[in-house]
């Protein structure tokens, strides 16, 4: 009897077990999400779609940044190979800017041989979610439903998750060139950032772009 009483779990031991189990579940959740971010980053889906959607990035008075230019190069490659007949460029602008990200992307595409009739600039949104909301409204309003998303590899899974939630049939063909994919340290930082941003979005259904921007400096 005495031995049985001594080995009976106490409240403290149950609390430790629950805490340990919770930590394990959180680690599994974070690890699983990070793996999916990495996995989707490696995809290059060229399945034909109604439109190609290029998610915006920084632009300087109408000139796309190196990161944005890499996305636009990939979108043009998809267009040239017949994946879709229309390229949608997305992204708004800061108050002091003369161009939206969408317009800067559209100008780059037309200067590099894509007919203006094959482009559509959706210059709204200051973050991924708001930009995709504007894109979804335009795309669905024109009777289109399937989209190939072009962004950085590590951003692709979060963007696809948001697009799916907005009712789009979305898959990804991320760029595999440009500053973000050149250094392994940069890749790791973006995977960590996107893992946190995606978990935050799934929990709150709100964007985390500003919240995690400081992590990247």
N, C-alpha and C. Protein backbone atom coordinates (compact mmCIF):
# COMPACT_ATOMS: atom_id res chain seq x y z
N UNK A 1 0.83 -1.22 0.00
CA UNK A 1 0.00 0.00 0.00
C UNK A 1 0.85 1.25 0.00
N UNK A 2 1.91 1.23 0.87
CA UNK A 2 2.76 2.41 0.95
C UNK A 2 3.46 2.69 -0.35
N UNK A 3 3.96 1.63 -1.03
CA UNK A 3 4.66 1.81 -2.31
C UNK A 3 3.73 2.37 -3.36
N UNK A 4 2.51 1.84 -3.42
CA UNK A 4 1.53 2.32 -4.39
C UNK A 4 1.22 3.79 -4.18
N UNK A 5 1.12 4.17 -2.92
CA UNK A 5 0.82 5.58 -2.64
C UNK A 5 1.96 6.48 -3.05
N UNK A 6 3.22 5.98 -2.88
CA UNK A 6 4.36 6.82 -3.23
C UNK A 6 4.51 6.98 -4.74
N UNK A 7 4.08 5.98 -5.52
CA UNK A 7 4.23 6.06 -6.97
C UNK A 7 3.02 6.66 -7.66
N UNK A 8 1.96 6.95 -6.94
CA UNK A 8 0.77 7.56 -7.54
C UNK A 8 1.10 8.97 -8.02
N UNK A 9 0.78 9.32 -9.29
CA UNK A 9 1.09 10.64 -9.81
C UNK A 9 0.45 11.74 -8.96
N UNK A 10 1.23 12.75 -8.70
CA UNK A 10 0.74 13.91 -7.96
C UNK A 10 0.26 14.97 -8.93
N UNK A 11 -0.38 16.00 -8.38
CA UNK A 11 -0.82 17.11 -9.23
C UNK A 11 0.35 17.77 -9.93
N UNK A 12 1.47 17.88 -9.22
CA UNK A 12 2.65 18.52 -9.80
C UNK A 12 3.18 17.71 -10.98
N UNK A 13 3.19 16.37 -10.82
CA UNK A 13 3.70 15.54 -11.92
C UNK A 13 2.76 15.59 -13.12
N UNK A 14 1.47 15.64 -12.88
CA UNK A 14 0.52 15.78 -13.99
C UNK A 14 0.71 17.12 -14.70
N UNK A 15 0.95 18.16 -13.93
CA UNK A 15 1.18 19.49 -14.52
C UNK A 15 2.42 19.47 -15.40
N UNK A 16 3.48 18.79 -14.91
CA UNK A 16 4.71 18.70 -15.71
C UNK A 16 4.47 17.92 -17.00
N UNK A 17 3.70 16.85 -16.90
CA UNK A 17 3.40 16.06 -18.09
C UNK A 17 2.61 16.87 -19.11
N UNK A 18 1.62 17.60 -18.62
CA UNK A 18 0.80 18.43 -19.52
C UNK A 18 1.67 19.51 -20.18
N UNK A 19 2.53 20.13 -19.37
CA UNK A 19 3.41 21.16 -19.91
C UNK A 19 4.36 20.58 -20.95
N UNK A 20 4.91 19.41 -20.66
CA UNK A 20 5.82 18.75 -21.60
C UNK A 20 5.10 18.40 -22.89
N UNK A 21 3.87 17.87 -22.76
CA UNK A 21 3.10 17.52 -23.95
C UNK A 21 2.76 18.74 -24.78
N UNK A 22 2.43 19.85 -24.10
CA UNK A 22 2.12 21.08 -24.82
C UNK A 22 3.32 21.59 -25.60
N UNK A 23 4.49 21.53 -24.95
CA UNK A 23 5.72 21.97 -25.62
C UNK A 23 6.00 21.10 -26.85
N UNK A 24 5.80 19.80 -26.71
CA UNK A 24 6.02 18.90 -27.84
C UNK A 24 5.08 19.22 -28.99
N UNK A 25 3.81 19.50 -28.68
CA UNK A 25 2.84 19.82 -29.74
C UNK A 25 3.21 21.13 -30.43
N UNK A 26 3.65 22.12 -29.65
CA UNK A 26 4.05 23.40 -30.24
C UNK A 26 5.27 23.23 -31.14
N UNK A 27 6.22 22.43 -30.67
CA UNK A 27 7.41 22.18 -31.49
C UNK A 27 7.04 21.45 -32.78
N UNK A 28 6.11 20.51 -32.68
CA UNK A 28 5.66 19.79 -33.88
C UNK A 28 4.95 20.73 -34.85
N UNK A 29 4.14 21.65 -34.30
CA UNK A 29 3.43 22.60 -35.13
C UNK A 29 4.39 23.53 -35.85
N UNK A 30 5.32 24.09 -35.10
CA UNK A 30 6.30 25.01 -35.70
C UNK A 30 7.19 24.27 -36.69
N UNK A 31 7.67 23.09 -36.30
CA UNK A 31 8.53 22.33 -37.19
C UNK A 31 7.82 21.89 -38.46
N UNK A 32 6.57 21.45 -38.32
CA UNK A 32 5.80 21.04 -39.49
C UNK A 32 5.53 22.20 -40.43
N UNK A 33 5.24 23.37 -39.86
CA UNK A 33 5.00 24.56 -40.69
C UNK A 33 6.26 24.98 -41.41
N UNK A 34 7.39 24.97 -40.69
CA UNK A 34 8.67 25.33 -41.32
C UNK A 34 9.00 24.38 -42.46
N UNK A 35 8.72 23.09 -42.26
CA UNK A 35 8.97 22.11 -43.32
C UNK A 35 8.13 22.40 -44.54
N UNK A 36 6.85 22.76 -44.34
CA UNK A 36 5.98 23.07 -45.48
C UNK A 36 6.42 24.34 -46.20
N UNK A 37 6.89 25.33 -45.44
CA UNK A 37 7.43 26.54 -46.06
C UNK A 37 8.59 26.17 -46.97
N UNK A 38 9.49 25.34 -46.46
CA UNK A 38 10.64 24.89 -47.24
C UNK A 38 10.21 24.03 -48.43
N UNK A 39 9.24 23.16 -48.21
CA UNK A 39 8.80 22.25 -49.27
C UNK A 39 8.15 23.00 -50.43
N UNK A 40 7.22 23.90 -50.12
CA UNK A 40 6.54 24.67 -51.16
C UNK A 40 7.52 25.59 -51.88
N UNK A 41 8.54 26.05 -51.17
CA UNK A 41 9.55 26.91 -51.79
C UNK A 41 10.27 26.21 -52.93
N UNK A 42 10.30 24.89 -52.90
CA UNK A 42 11.01 24.12 -53.92
C UNK A 42 10.13 23.79 -55.12
N UNK A 43 8.84 24.10 -55.04
CA UNK A 43 7.94 23.78 -56.14
C UNK A 43 8.14 24.73 -57.32
N UNK A 44 7.75 24.26 -58.48
CA UNK A 44 7.81 25.10 -59.68
C UNK A 44 6.69 24.64 -60.62
N UNK A 45 5.47 24.90 -60.20
CA UNK A 45 4.29 24.37 -60.88
C UNK A 45 3.98 25.21 -62.12
N UNK A 46 4.09 24.59 -63.27
CA UNK A 46 3.81 25.27 -64.54
C UNK A 46 2.48 24.83 -65.15
N UNK A 47 1.59 24.34 -64.32
CA UNK A 47 0.26 23.97 -64.79
C UNK A 47 -0.45 25.20 -65.35
N UNK A 48 -1.05 25.12 -66.53
CA UNK A 48 -1.75 26.28 -67.08
C UNK A 48 -2.82 26.82 -66.13
N UNK A 49 -2.95 28.13 -66.10
CA UNK A 49 -3.91 28.80 -65.22
C UNK A 49 -4.55 29.96 -65.97
N UNK A 50 -5.57 30.53 -65.36
CA UNK A 50 -6.22 31.70 -65.97
C UNK A 50 -5.27 32.89 -66.00
N UNK A 51 -4.54 33.09 -64.91
CA UNK A 51 -3.63 34.23 -64.84
C UNK A 51 -2.38 33.88 -64.03
N UNK A 52 -1.33 34.63 -64.28
CA UNK A 52 -0.12 34.61 -63.46
C UNK A 52 -0.19 35.84 -62.56
N UNK A 53 0.01 35.67 -61.27
CA UNK A 53 -0.04 36.78 -60.33
C UNK A 53 1.35 37.00 -59.74
N UNK A 54 1.90 38.19 -59.97
CA UNK A 54 3.20 38.55 -59.40
C UNK A 54 2.96 39.41 -58.17
N UNK A 55 3.39 38.94 -57.03
CA UNK A 55 3.24 39.72 -55.81
C UNK A 55 4.31 40.79 -55.75
N UNK A 56 3.90 42.00 -55.40
CA UNK A 56 4.79 43.15 -55.45
C UNK A 56 5.86 43.15 -54.39
N UNK A 57 6.88 43.95 -54.64
CA UNK A 57 7.96 44.19 -53.68
C UNK A 57 8.42 45.63 -53.91
N UNK A 58 9.47 46.01 -53.25
CA UNK A 58 9.91 47.40 -53.31
C UNK A 58 10.19 47.85 -54.74
N UNK A 59 9.86 49.12 -55.00
CA UNK A 59 10.16 49.74 -56.28
C UNK A 59 10.65 51.16 -56.00
N UNK A 60 11.46 51.67 -56.91
CA UNK A 60 12.06 52.99 -56.72
C UNK A 60 11.74 53.87 -57.92
N UNK A 61 10.72 54.71 -57.72
CA UNK A 61 10.26 55.62 -58.77
C UNK A 61 9.98 54.88 -60.08
N UNK A 62 9.31 53.77 -59.95
CA UNK A 62 8.92 52.99 -61.12
C UNK A 62 9.88 51.90 -61.51
N UNK A 63 11.04 51.83 -60.86
CA UNK A 63 12.02 50.79 -61.16
C UNK A 63 11.95 49.70 -60.09
N UNK A 64 11.65 48.47 -60.48
CA UNK A 64 11.56 47.39 -59.49
C UNK A 64 12.90 47.13 -58.81
N UNK A 65 12.86 46.82 -57.53
CA UNK A 65 14.06 46.40 -56.82
C UNK A 65 14.55 45.07 -57.40
N UNK A 66 15.75 44.67 -57.01
CA UNK A 66 16.30 43.40 -57.51
C UNK A 66 15.40 42.22 -57.14
N UNK A 67 14.84 42.27 -55.93
CA UNK A 67 13.94 41.19 -55.50
C UNK A 67 12.69 41.14 -56.38
N UNK A 68 12.10 42.31 -56.63
CA UNK A 68 10.90 42.39 -57.46
C UNK A 68 11.22 42.01 -58.90
N UNK A 69 12.36 42.47 -59.41
CA UNK A 69 12.74 42.16 -60.79
C UNK A 69 12.88 40.66 -61.00
N UNK A 70 13.40 39.95 -60.00
CA UNK A 70 13.54 38.50 -60.12
C UNK A 70 12.16 37.84 -60.26
N UNK A 71 11.18 38.36 -59.53
CA UNK A 71 9.81 37.83 -59.64
C UNK A 71 9.25 38.09 -61.04
N UNK A 72 9.50 39.29 -61.55
CA UNK A 72 8.97 39.65 -62.87
C UNK A 72 9.62 38.83 -63.98
N UNK A 73 10.91 38.56 -63.84
CA UNK A 73 11.58 37.69 -64.81
C UNK A 73 10.92 36.32 -64.84
N UNK A 74 10.63 35.78 -63.66
CA UNK A 74 9.99 34.46 -63.59
C UNK A 74 8.59 34.50 -64.21
N UNK A 75 7.84 35.57 -63.93
CA UNK A 75 6.50 35.69 -64.50
C UNK A 75 6.54 35.74 -66.02
N UNK A 76 7.50 36.47 -66.56
CA UNK A 76 7.62 36.54 -68.02
C UNK A 76 7.99 35.18 -68.60
N UNK A 77 8.84 34.44 -67.93
CA UNK A 77 9.18 33.09 -68.39
C UNK A 77 7.94 32.20 -68.44
N UNK A 78 7.10 32.30 -67.42
CA UNK A 78 5.86 31.52 -67.40
C UNK A 78 4.93 31.95 -68.53
N UNK A 79 4.83 33.27 -68.73
CA UNK A 79 3.99 33.80 -69.81
C UNK A 79 4.50 33.31 -71.17
N UNK A 80 5.81 33.41 -71.38
CA UNK A 80 6.39 33.02 -72.66
C UNK A 80 6.21 31.53 -72.93
N UNK A 81 6.13 30.72 -71.88
CA UNK A 81 5.97 29.27 -72.06
C UNK A 81 4.49 28.87 -72.14
N UNK A 82 3.58 29.85 -72.09
CA UNK A 82 2.17 29.58 -72.30
C UNK A 82 1.39 29.15 -71.08
N UNK A 83 1.93 29.41 -69.88
CA UNK A 83 1.22 29.02 -68.66
C UNK A 83 -0.09 29.80 -68.52
N UNK A 84 -0.09 31.07 -68.89
CA UNK A 84 -1.30 31.90 -68.85
C UNK A 84 -1.15 33.03 -69.86
N UNK A 85 -2.29 33.60 -70.25
CA UNK A 85 -2.28 34.67 -71.25
C UNK A 85 -2.25 36.06 -70.62
N UNK A 86 -2.38 36.12 -69.30
CA UNK A 86 -2.41 37.41 -68.62
C UNK A 86 -1.53 37.37 -67.38
N UNK A 87 -0.77 38.45 -67.16
CA UNK A 87 0.03 38.59 -65.96
C UNK A 87 -0.58 39.72 -65.12
N UNK A 88 -0.93 39.40 -63.89
CA UNK A 88 -1.45 40.39 -62.95
C UNK A 88 -0.32 40.80 -62.02
N UNK A 89 -0.05 42.10 -61.95
CA UNK A 89 0.94 42.61 -61.00
C UNK A 89 0.19 43.21 -59.82
N UNK A 90 0.70 42.96 -58.62
CA UNK A 90 -0.02 43.35 -57.40
C UNK A 90 0.84 44.27 -56.54
N UNK A 91 0.16 45.06 -55.71
CA UNK A 91 0.87 45.87 -54.72
C UNK A 91 0.58 47.34 -54.83
N UNK A 92 0.34 47.97 -53.67
CA UNK A 92 0.06 49.40 -53.63
C UNK A 92 1.33 50.22 -53.50
N UNK A 93 1.22 51.38 -52.84
CA UNK A 93 2.37 52.26 -52.71
C UNK A 93 2.33 53.00 -51.39
N UNK A 94 3.49 53.51 -51.00
CA UNK A 94 3.57 54.37 -49.83
C UNK A 94 3.11 55.77 -50.22
N UNK A 95 2.79 56.56 -49.22
CA UNK A 95 2.24 57.89 -49.48
C UNK A 95 3.17 58.74 -50.33
N UNK A 96 4.47 58.59 -50.14
CA UNK A 96 5.42 59.44 -50.85
C UNK A 96 5.82 58.92 -52.22
N UNK A 97 5.36 57.72 -52.58
CA UNK A 97 5.74 57.12 -53.86
C UNK A 97 4.93 57.68 -55.03
N UNK A 98 5.56 57.70 -56.20
CA UNK A 98 4.87 58.12 -57.42
C UNK A 98 4.24 56.94 -58.16
N UNK A 99 4.72 55.74 -57.88
CA UNK A 99 4.23 54.55 -58.56
C UNK A 99 3.79 53.51 -57.54
N UNK A 100 2.76 52.77 -57.89
CA UNK A 100 2.43 51.58 -57.10
C UNK A 100 3.39 50.47 -57.52
N UNK A 101 3.52 49.47 -56.66
CA UNK A 101 4.32 48.30 -57.01
C UNK A 101 3.73 47.63 -58.25
N UNK A 102 2.42 47.59 -58.33
CA UNK A 102 1.75 46.96 -59.47
C UNK A 102 2.08 47.67 -60.77
N UNK A 103 2.04 48.99 -60.76
CA UNK A 103 2.33 49.76 -61.96
C UNK A 103 3.79 49.62 -62.36
N UNK A 104 4.69 49.65 -61.39
CA UNK A 104 6.11 49.48 -61.69
C UNK A 104 6.36 48.12 -62.34
N UNK A 105 5.69 47.08 -61.82
CA UNK A 105 5.83 45.76 -62.41
C UNK A 105 5.26 45.69 -63.82
N UNK A 106 4.12 46.32 -64.01
CA UNK A 106 3.50 46.34 -65.33
C UNK A 106 4.42 47.03 -66.35
N UNK A 107 5.00 48.15 -65.96
CA UNK A 107 5.91 48.87 -66.85
C UNK A 107 7.13 48.01 -67.20
N UNK A 108 7.67 47.31 -66.22
CA UNK A 108 8.81 46.44 -66.49
C UNK A 108 8.44 45.37 -67.51
N UNK A 109 7.28 44.77 -67.35
CA UNK A 109 6.86 43.70 -68.25
C UNK A 109 6.68 44.21 -69.69
N UNK A 110 6.04 45.35 -69.84
CA UNK A 110 5.82 45.87 -71.20
C UNK A 110 7.13 46.30 -71.84
N UNK A 111 8.07 46.77 -71.03
CA UNK A 111 9.38 47.15 -71.57
C UNK A 111 10.20 45.94 -71.98
N UNK A 112 9.82 44.78 -71.46
CA UNK A 112 10.55 43.55 -71.78
C UNK A 112 9.74 42.63 -72.68
N UNK A 113 8.83 43.20 -73.44
CA UNK A 113 8.20 42.46 -74.52
C UNK A 113 6.84 41.86 -74.26
N UNK A 114 6.27 42.05 -73.07
CA UNK A 114 4.92 41.54 -72.82
C UNK A 114 3.91 42.60 -73.28
N UNK A 115 2.96 42.25 -74.14
CA UNK A 115 1.98 43.24 -74.59
C UNK A 115 1.21 43.83 -73.41
N UNK A 116 0.93 45.12 -73.48
CA UNK A 116 0.19 45.76 -72.39
C UNK A 116 -1.18 45.13 -72.21
N UNK A 117 -1.75 44.63 -73.32
CA UNK A 117 -3.06 43.98 -73.25
C UNK A 117 -3.02 42.68 -72.46
N UNK A 118 -1.82 42.15 -72.24
CA UNK A 118 -1.66 40.90 -71.50
C UNK A 118 -1.29 41.15 -70.05
N UNK A 119 -1.37 42.41 -69.62
CA UNK A 119 -1.03 42.74 -68.24
C UNK A 119 -2.23 43.41 -67.55
N UNK A 120 -2.25 43.26 -66.24
CA UNK A 120 -3.28 43.90 -65.43
C UNK A 120 -2.65 44.31 -64.11
N UNK A 121 -2.61 45.61 -63.85
CA UNK A 121 -2.03 46.12 -62.61
C UNK A 121 -3.13 46.33 -61.58
N UNK A 122 -2.96 45.73 -60.42
CA UNK A 122 -3.90 45.90 -59.31
C UNK A 122 -3.14 46.59 -58.18
N UNK A 123 -3.18 47.91 -58.20
CA UNK A 123 -2.34 48.72 -57.33
C UNK A 123 -2.96 49.02 -55.98
N UNK A 124 -3.37 48.00 -55.27
CA UNK A 124 -3.95 48.17 -53.93
C UNK A 124 -3.29 47.20 -52.97
N UNK A 125 -3.23 47.62 -51.71
CA UNK A 125 -2.72 46.74 -50.68
C UNK A 125 -1.32 47.09 -50.23
N UNK A 126 -1.14 47.14 -48.92
CA UNK A 126 0.16 47.46 -48.33
C UNK A 126 0.83 46.22 -47.75
N UNK A 127 0.21 45.06 -47.89
CA UNK A 127 0.78 43.81 -47.41
C UNK A 127 0.22 42.68 -48.26
N UNK A 128 0.71 41.48 -48.02
CA UNK A 128 0.33 40.34 -48.86
C UNK A 128 -1.17 40.09 -48.85
N UNK A 129 -1.78 40.07 -47.69
CA UNK A 129 -3.20 39.75 -47.60
C UNK A 129 -4.05 40.80 -48.30
N UNK A 130 -3.80 42.06 -48.05
CA UNK A 130 -4.61 43.11 -48.67
C UNK A 130 -4.40 43.15 -50.18
N UNK A 131 -3.17 42.92 -50.62
CA UNK A 131 -2.91 42.88 -52.07
C UNK A 131 -3.66 41.73 -52.71
N UNK A 132 -3.65 40.57 -52.07
CA UNK A 132 -4.34 39.41 -52.62
C UNK A 132 -5.85 39.58 -52.59
N UNK A 133 -6.37 40.28 -51.59
CA UNK A 133 -7.81 40.57 -51.57
C UNK A 133 -8.20 41.38 -52.79
N UNK A 134 -7.39 42.40 -53.11
CA UNK A 134 -7.67 43.24 -54.28
C UNK A 134 -7.55 42.43 -55.56
N UNK A 135 -6.53 41.58 -55.63
CA UNK A 135 -6.35 40.73 -56.81
C UNK A 135 -7.52 39.77 -56.97
N UNK A 136 -7.93 39.13 -55.88
CA UNK A 136 -9.05 38.18 -55.94
C UNK A 136 -10.31 38.86 -56.45
N UNK A 137 -10.55 40.07 -55.99
CA UNK A 137 -11.74 40.80 -56.43
C UNK A 137 -11.69 41.05 -57.94
N UNK A 138 -10.54 41.49 -58.44
CA UNK A 138 -10.39 41.77 -59.88
C UNK A 138 -10.47 40.49 -60.69
N UNK A 139 -9.77 39.48 -60.26
CA UNK A 139 -9.70 38.22 -61.00
C UNK A 139 -11.07 37.55 -61.05
N UNK A 140 -11.72 37.42 -59.91
CA UNK A 140 -13.02 36.77 -59.87
C UNK A 140 -14.08 37.59 -60.59
N UNK A 141 -13.93 38.90 -60.55
CA UNK A 141 -14.87 39.77 -61.27
C UNK A 141 -14.81 39.61 -62.78
N UNK A 142 -13.68 39.14 -63.26
CA UNK A 142 -13.50 38.91 -64.71
C UNK A 142 -13.75 37.45 -65.10
N UNK A 143 -14.22 36.67 -64.14
CA UNK A 143 -14.54 35.27 -64.43
C UNK A 143 -13.36 34.34 -64.39
N UNK A 144 -12.23 34.79 -63.86
CA UNK A 144 -11.06 33.95 -63.71
C UNK A 144 -11.03 33.34 -62.31
N UNK A 145 -10.44 32.18 -62.20
CA UNK A 145 -10.43 31.50 -60.90
C UNK A 145 -9.07 30.91 -60.53
N UNK A 146 -8.34 30.39 -61.52
CA UNK A 146 -7.07 29.73 -61.24
C UNK A 146 -5.90 30.71 -61.43
N UNK A 147 -4.95 30.67 -60.49
CA UNK A 147 -3.82 31.59 -60.53
C UNK A 147 -2.53 30.86 -60.20
N UNK A 148 -1.47 31.25 -60.87
CA UNK A 148 -0.12 30.82 -60.51
C UNK A 148 0.53 31.99 -59.79
N UNK A 149 0.91 31.79 -58.55
CA UNK A 149 1.51 32.85 -57.76
C UNK A 149 3.02 32.86 -57.93
N UNK A 150 3.55 34.04 -58.22
CA UNK A 150 4.99 34.21 -58.35
C UNK A 150 5.47 35.14 -57.23
N UNK A 151 6.32 34.61 -56.39
CA UNK A 151 6.91 35.39 -55.31
C UNK A 151 8.26 34.77 -54.97
N UNK A 152 8.82 35.14 -53.83
CA UNK A 152 10.05 34.52 -53.38
C UNK A 152 9.72 33.11 -52.87
N UNK A 153 10.67 32.21 -52.89
CA UNK A 153 10.38 30.82 -52.48
C UNK A 153 9.74 30.71 -51.10
N UNK A 154 10.32 31.41 -50.13
CA UNK A 154 9.88 31.25 -48.74
C UNK A 154 8.54 31.91 -48.47
N UNK A 155 8.14 32.83 -49.32
CA UNK A 155 6.88 33.55 -49.18
C UNK A 155 5.72 32.78 -49.80
N UNK A 156 6.04 31.79 -50.62
CA UNK A 156 5.03 31.15 -51.48
C UNK A 156 3.93 30.43 -50.71
N UNK A 157 4.29 29.69 -49.66
CA UNK A 157 3.28 28.91 -48.95
C UNK A 157 2.28 29.82 -48.25
N UNK A 158 2.76 30.89 -47.64
CA UNK A 158 1.84 31.83 -46.97
C UNK A 158 0.93 32.50 -48.00
N UNK A 159 1.50 32.91 -49.12
CA UNK A 159 0.70 33.56 -50.16
C UNK A 159 -0.35 32.59 -50.70
N UNK A 160 0.04 31.34 -50.92
CA UNK A 160 -0.92 30.36 -51.43
C UNK A 160 -2.02 30.08 -50.42
N UNK A 161 -1.68 30.01 -49.15
CA UNK A 161 -2.68 29.80 -48.11
C UNK A 161 -3.70 30.93 -48.11
N UNK A 162 -3.24 32.16 -48.21
CA UNK A 162 -4.14 33.31 -48.24
C UNK A 162 -5.00 33.29 -49.49
N UNK A 163 -4.39 32.99 -50.63
CA UNK A 163 -5.16 32.95 -51.88
C UNK A 163 -6.25 31.89 -51.83
N UNK A 164 -5.93 30.73 -51.28
CA UNK A 164 -6.94 29.67 -51.12
C UNK A 164 -8.09 30.16 -50.23
N UNK A 165 -7.74 30.84 -49.15
CA UNK A 165 -8.77 31.35 -48.24
C UNK A 165 -9.67 32.38 -48.91
N UNK A 166 -9.15 33.06 -49.93
CA UNK A 166 -9.91 34.08 -50.64
C UNK A 166 -10.71 33.49 -51.80
N UNK A 167 -10.70 32.17 -51.93
CA UNK A 167 -11.52 31.52 -52.94
C UNK A 167 -10.85 31.31 -54.28
N UNK A 168 -9.54 31.56 -54.36
CA UNK A 168 -8.81 31.33 -55.61
C UNK A 168 -8.27 29.91 -55.64
N UNK A 169 -8.20 29.36 -56.83
CA UNK A 169 -7.56 28.07 -57.03
C UNK A 169 -6.10 28.37 -57.35
N UNK A 170 -5.23 28.26 -56.36
CA UNK A 170 -3.87 28.79 -56.49
C UNK A 170 -2.80 27.72 -56.35
N UNK A 171 -1.74 27.87 -57.15
CA UNK A 171 -0.52 27.10 -56.96
C UNK A 171 0.66 28.04 -57.18
N UNK A 172 1.87 27.56 -56.97
CA UNK A 172 3.01 28.46 -56.92
C UNK A 172 4.12 28.07 -57.90
N UNK A 173 4.80 29.10 -58.39
CA UNK A 173 6.00 28.94 -59.21
C UNK A 173 6.97 30.03 -58.77
N UNK A 174 7.60 29.85 -57.62
CA UNK A 174 8.46 30.90 -57.07
C UNK A 174 9.74 31.10 -57.88
N UNK A 175 10.28 32.30 -57.74
CA UNK A 175 11.57 32.56 -58.34
C UNK A 175 12.66 31.83 -57.57
N UNK A 176 13.69 31.39 -58.28
CA UNK A 176 14.83 30.75 -57.63
C UNK A 176 16.12 31.48 -57.98
N UNK A 177 15.97 32.79 -58.19
CA UNK A 177 17.12 33.65 -58.41
C UNK A 177 16.90 34.93 -57.64
N UNK A 178 17.93 35.76 -57.55
CA UNK A 178 17.79 37.02 -56.84
C UNK A 178 18.44 36.99 -55.47
N UNK A 179 18.47 38.14 -54.79
CA UNK A 179 19.19 38.28 -53.52
C UNK A 179 18.73 37.33 -52.42
N UNK A 180 17.45 37.00 -52.40
CA UNK A 180 16.91 36.22 -51.29
C UNK A 180 17.41 34.77 -51.29
N UNK A 181 17.76 34.25 -52.43
CA UNK A 181 18.14 32.84 -52.50
C UNK A 181 19.64 32.64 -52.66
N UNK A 182 20.43 33.69 -52.58
CA UNK A 182 21.86 33.56 -52.84
C UNK A 182 22.64 33.08 -51.63
N UNK A 183 22.26 33.48 -50.43
CA UNK A 183 23.01 33.12 -49.24
C UNK A 183 22.17 32.25 -48.31
N UNK A 184 22.79 31.21 -47.76
CA UNK A 184 22.07 30.28 -46.91
C UNK A 184 21.55 30.95 -45.64
N UNK A 185 22.35 31.88 -45.09
CA UNK A 185 21.92 32.58 -43.88
C UNK A 185 20.64 33.36 -44.15
N UNK A 186 20.56 34.01 -45.30
CA UNK A 186 19.36 34.76 -45.68
C UNK A 186 18.17 33.82 -45.84
N UNK A 187 18.41 32.66 -46.43
CA UNK A 187 17.34 31.68 -46.61
C UNK A 187 16.78 31.23 -45.26
N UNK A 188 17.66 30.95 -44.32
CA UNK A 188 17.21 30.50 -43.00
C UNK A 188 16.40 31.59 -42.31
N UNK A 189 16.84 32.83 -42.40
CA UNK A 189 16.11 33.94 -41.78
C UNK A 189 14.71 34.07 -42.37
N UNK A 190 14.60 33.91 -43.70
CA UNK A 190 13.29 34.04 -44.33
C UNK A 190 12.39 32.86 -43.98
N UNK A 191 12.94 31.67 -43.86
CA UNK A 191 12.13 30.52 -43.47
C UNK A 191 11.55 30.73 -42.07
N UNK A 192 12.40 31.21 -41.16
CA UNK A 192 11.94 31.48 -39.80
C UNK A 192 10.87 32.57 -39.82
N UNK A 193 11.12 33.63 -40.57
CA UNK A 193 10.15 34.73 -40.65
C UNK A 193 8.81 34.24 -41.18
N UNK A 194 8.86 33.50 -42.28
CA UNK A 194 7.62 33.06 -42.92
C UNK A 194 6.88 32.02 -42.08
N UNK A 195 7.61 31.22 -41.34
CA UNK A 195 6.96 30.27 -40.44
C UNK A 195 6.16 31.02 -39.38
N UNK A 196 6.79 32.03 -38.77
CA UNK A 196 6.08 32.83 -37.77
C UNK A 196 4.92 33.60 -38.36
N UNK A 197 5.13 34.19 -39.54
CA UNK A 197 4.07 34.98 -40.18
C UNK A 197 2.87 34.11 -40.56
N UNK A 198 3.15 32.89 -41.02
CA UNK A 198 2.06 32.00 -41.41
C UNK A 198 1.27 31.52 -40.19
N UNK A 199 1.97 31.17 -39.13
CA UNK A 199 1.29 30.76 -37.91
C UNK A 199 0.45 31.90 -37.35
N UNK A 200 0.98 33.11 -37.41
CA UNK A 200 0.24 34.28 -36.94
C UNK A 200 -1.02 34.49 -37.79
N UNK A 201 -0.88 34.34 -39.10
CA UNK A 201 -2.04 34.49 -39.98
C UNK A 201 -3.09 33.43 -39.70
N UNK A 202 -2.67 32.19 -39.54
CA UNK A 202 -3.62 31.11 -39.29
C UNK A 202 -4.37 31.32 -37.97
N UNK A 203 -3.69 31.93 -37.01
CA UNK A 203 -4.30 32.15 -35.71
C UNK A 203 -5.25 33.34 -35.71
N UNK A 204 -4.87 34.40 -36.43
CA UNK A 204 -5.62 35.66 -36.36
C UNK A 204 -6.35 36.04 -37.64
N UNK A 205 -5.97 35.42 -38.78
CA UNK A 205 -6.49 35.79 -40.09
C UNK A 205 -6.19 37.25 -40.42
N UNK A 206 -5.09 37.74 -39.90
CA UNK A 206 -4.63 39.10 -40.22
C UNK A 206 -3.17 39.01 -40.67
N UNK A 207 -2.70 40.01 -41.45
CA UNK A 207 -1.33 39.95 -41.96
C UNK A 207 -0.30 40.21 -40.88
N UNK A 208 0.86 39.64 -41.08
CA UNK A 208 1.94 39.81 -40.10
C UNK A 208 3.16 40.47 -40.74
N UNK A 209 2.99 41.06 -41.94
CA UNK A 209 4.12 41.63 -42.65
C UNK A 209 4.87 42.67 -41.82
N UNK A 210 4.15 43.61 -41.25
CA UNK A 210 4.80 44.65 -40.45
C UNK A 210 5.35 44.08 -39.15
N UNK A 211 4.66 43.12 -38.58
CA UNK A 211 5.06 42.55 -37.31
C UNK A 211 6.42 41.87 -37.41
N UNK A 212 6.67 41.19 -38.54
CA UNK A 212 7.90 40.43 -38.70
C UNK A 212 8.94 41.13 -39.56
N UNK A 213 8.62 42.31 -40.09
CA UNK A 213 9.57 43.02 -40.96
C UNK A 213 10.85 43.37 -40.21
N UNK A 214 10.73 43.71 -38.94
CA UNK A 214 11.91 44.11 -38.17
C UNK A 214 12.90 42.96 -38.00
N UNK A 215 12.42 41.73 -38.12
CA UNK A 215 13.30 40.57 -37.97
C UNK A 215 14.36 40.55 -39.06
N UNK A 216 14.00 41.10 -40.25
CA UNK A 216 14.89 41.07 -41.38
C UNK A 216 15.76 42.33 -41.47
N UNK A 217 15.55 43.27 -40.57
CA UNK A 217 16.36 44.46 -40.54
C UNK A 217 15.92 45.49 -41.57
